[in-house]
Amino acid sequence: MEDRISGPRTTALPHWVAVANPTVMIVVGSLLSRVLPPPFSIWLDGAGLNLGMFFFMALSTKLLWHEPGLGLPRAIPLARPEP
């Protein structure tokens, strides 16, 4: 897909991640507290926003971290001072 202003859009994430956007994940996180058994549902009641953002960040981190050629750059060794 090409944008008229900035040119072609490229992303490191697969296209199916558009379905797992933060809004959908927040809804899933909110529904999670209603599905779990009583001790867990009480603990997680009201944490739908946080759970949804956690699920989305965990998913995107896993996808980007394990993508070949992507990830953190190699560390540059610091020069040691001469004695």
Protein backbone atom coordinates (compact mmCIF):
# COMPACT_ATOMS: atom_id res chain seq x y z
CA MET A 1 0.00 0.00 0.00
CA GLU A 2 1.38 3.36 -0.92
CA ASP A 3 0.67 6.55 0.95
CA ARG A 4 0.36 9.65 -1.23
CA ILE A 5 2.41 11.79 1.12
CA SER A 6 5.19 9.63 2.52
CA GLY A 7 5.53 6.81 -0.01
CA PRO A 8 5.21 3.05 0.56
CA ARG A 9 4.51 1.91 4.10
CA THR A 10 6.78 -0.74 5.49
CA THR A 11 6.60 -2.36 8.88
CA ALA A 12 8.45 -5.11 10.66
CA LEU A 13 5.21 -6.53 12.04
CA PRO A 14 3.11 -9.07 10.13
CA HIS A 15 -0.17 -7.85 8.67
CA TRP A 16 -2.31 -9.95 11.06
CA VAL A 17 -1.13 -7.80 13.98
CA ALA A 18 -3.55 -5.13 12.76
CA VAL A 19 -6.33 -7.33 14.19
CA ALA A 20 -4.51 -7.54 17.55
CA ASN A 21 -4.37 -3.78 18.02
CA PRO A 22 -4.38 -2.21 21.52
CA THR A 23 -8.14 -1.55 21.45
CA VAL A 24 -8.95 -5.21 20.78
CA MET A 25 -6.45 -6.32 23.41
CA ILE A 26 -8.01 -3.99 26.02
CA VAL A 27 -11.43 -5.56 25.33
CA VAL A 28 -9.87 -9.04 25.67
CA GLY A 29 -8.19 -8.00 28.93
CA SER A 30 -11.49 -6.66 30.26
CA LEU A 31 -13.32 -9.86 29.36
CA LEU A 32 -10.61 -11.97 30.95
CA SER A 33 -11.62 -10.97 34.47
CA ARG A 34 -15.20 -12.08 33.78
CA VAL A 35 -14.14 -15.53 32.54
CA LEU A 36 -11.66 -16.51 35.24
CA PRO A 37 -12.69 -18.27 38.47
CA PRO A 38 -13.50 -16.14 41.55
CA PRO A 39 -10.13 -15.60 43.23
CA PHE A 40 -8.48 -14.47 39.97
CA SER A 41 -11.47 -12.50 38.73
CA ILE A 42 -11.50 -10.46 41.95
CA TRP A 43 -7.78 -9.74 41.67
CA LEU A 44 -7.99 -8.72 38.01
CA ASP A 45 -11.24 -6.77 38.19
CA GLY A 46 -10.59 -3.28 36.78
CA ALA A 47 -7.24 -4.20 35.25
CA GLY A 48 -8.54 -4.56 31.67
CA LEU A 49 -6.65 -1.54 30.35
CA ASN A 50 -3.38 -2.65 31.90
CA LEU A 51 -3.82 -6.26 30.82
CA GLY A 52 -4.69 -5.24 27.27
CA MET A 53 -1.65 -3.01 26.95
CA PHE A 54 0.52 -5.73 28.51
CA PHE A 55 -0.76 -8.32 26.01
CA PHE A 56 -0.17 -5.98 23.06
CA MET A 57 3.33 -4.95 24.18
CA ALA A 58 4.29 -8.56 24.91
CA LEU A 59 3.05 -9.65 21.47
CA SER A 60 4.85 -6.89 19.61
CA THR A 61 8.05 -7.44 21.63
CA LYS A 62 8.02 -11.16 20.86
CA LEU A 63 7.40 -10.57 17.16
CA LEU A 64 10.06 -7.90 16.79
CA TRP A 65 12.67 -9.44 19.05
CA HIS A 66 12.71 -12.78 17.20
CA GLU A 67 12.50 -11.34 13.70
CA PRO A 68 15.73 -12.10 11.82
CA GLY A 69 17.80 -9.02 11.17
CA LEU A 70 15.88 -6.91 13.67
CA GLY A 71 16.23 -6.38 17.36
CA LEU A 72 18.73 -4.62 19.50
CA PRO A 73 21.95 -3.45 17.89
CA ARG A 74 25.17 -4.98 19.07
CA ALA A 75 26.78 -3.20 21.95
CA ILE A 76 29.77 -1.03 21.15
CA PRO A 77 32.63 -1.90 23.48
CA LEU A 78 33.85 0.99 25.52
CA ALA A 79 37.50 1.86 25.32
CA ARG A 80 39.32 1.16 28.54
CA PRO A 81 41.43 3.97 29.89
CA GLU A 82 45.13 3.32 29.75
CA PRO A 83 46.77 2.90 33.18
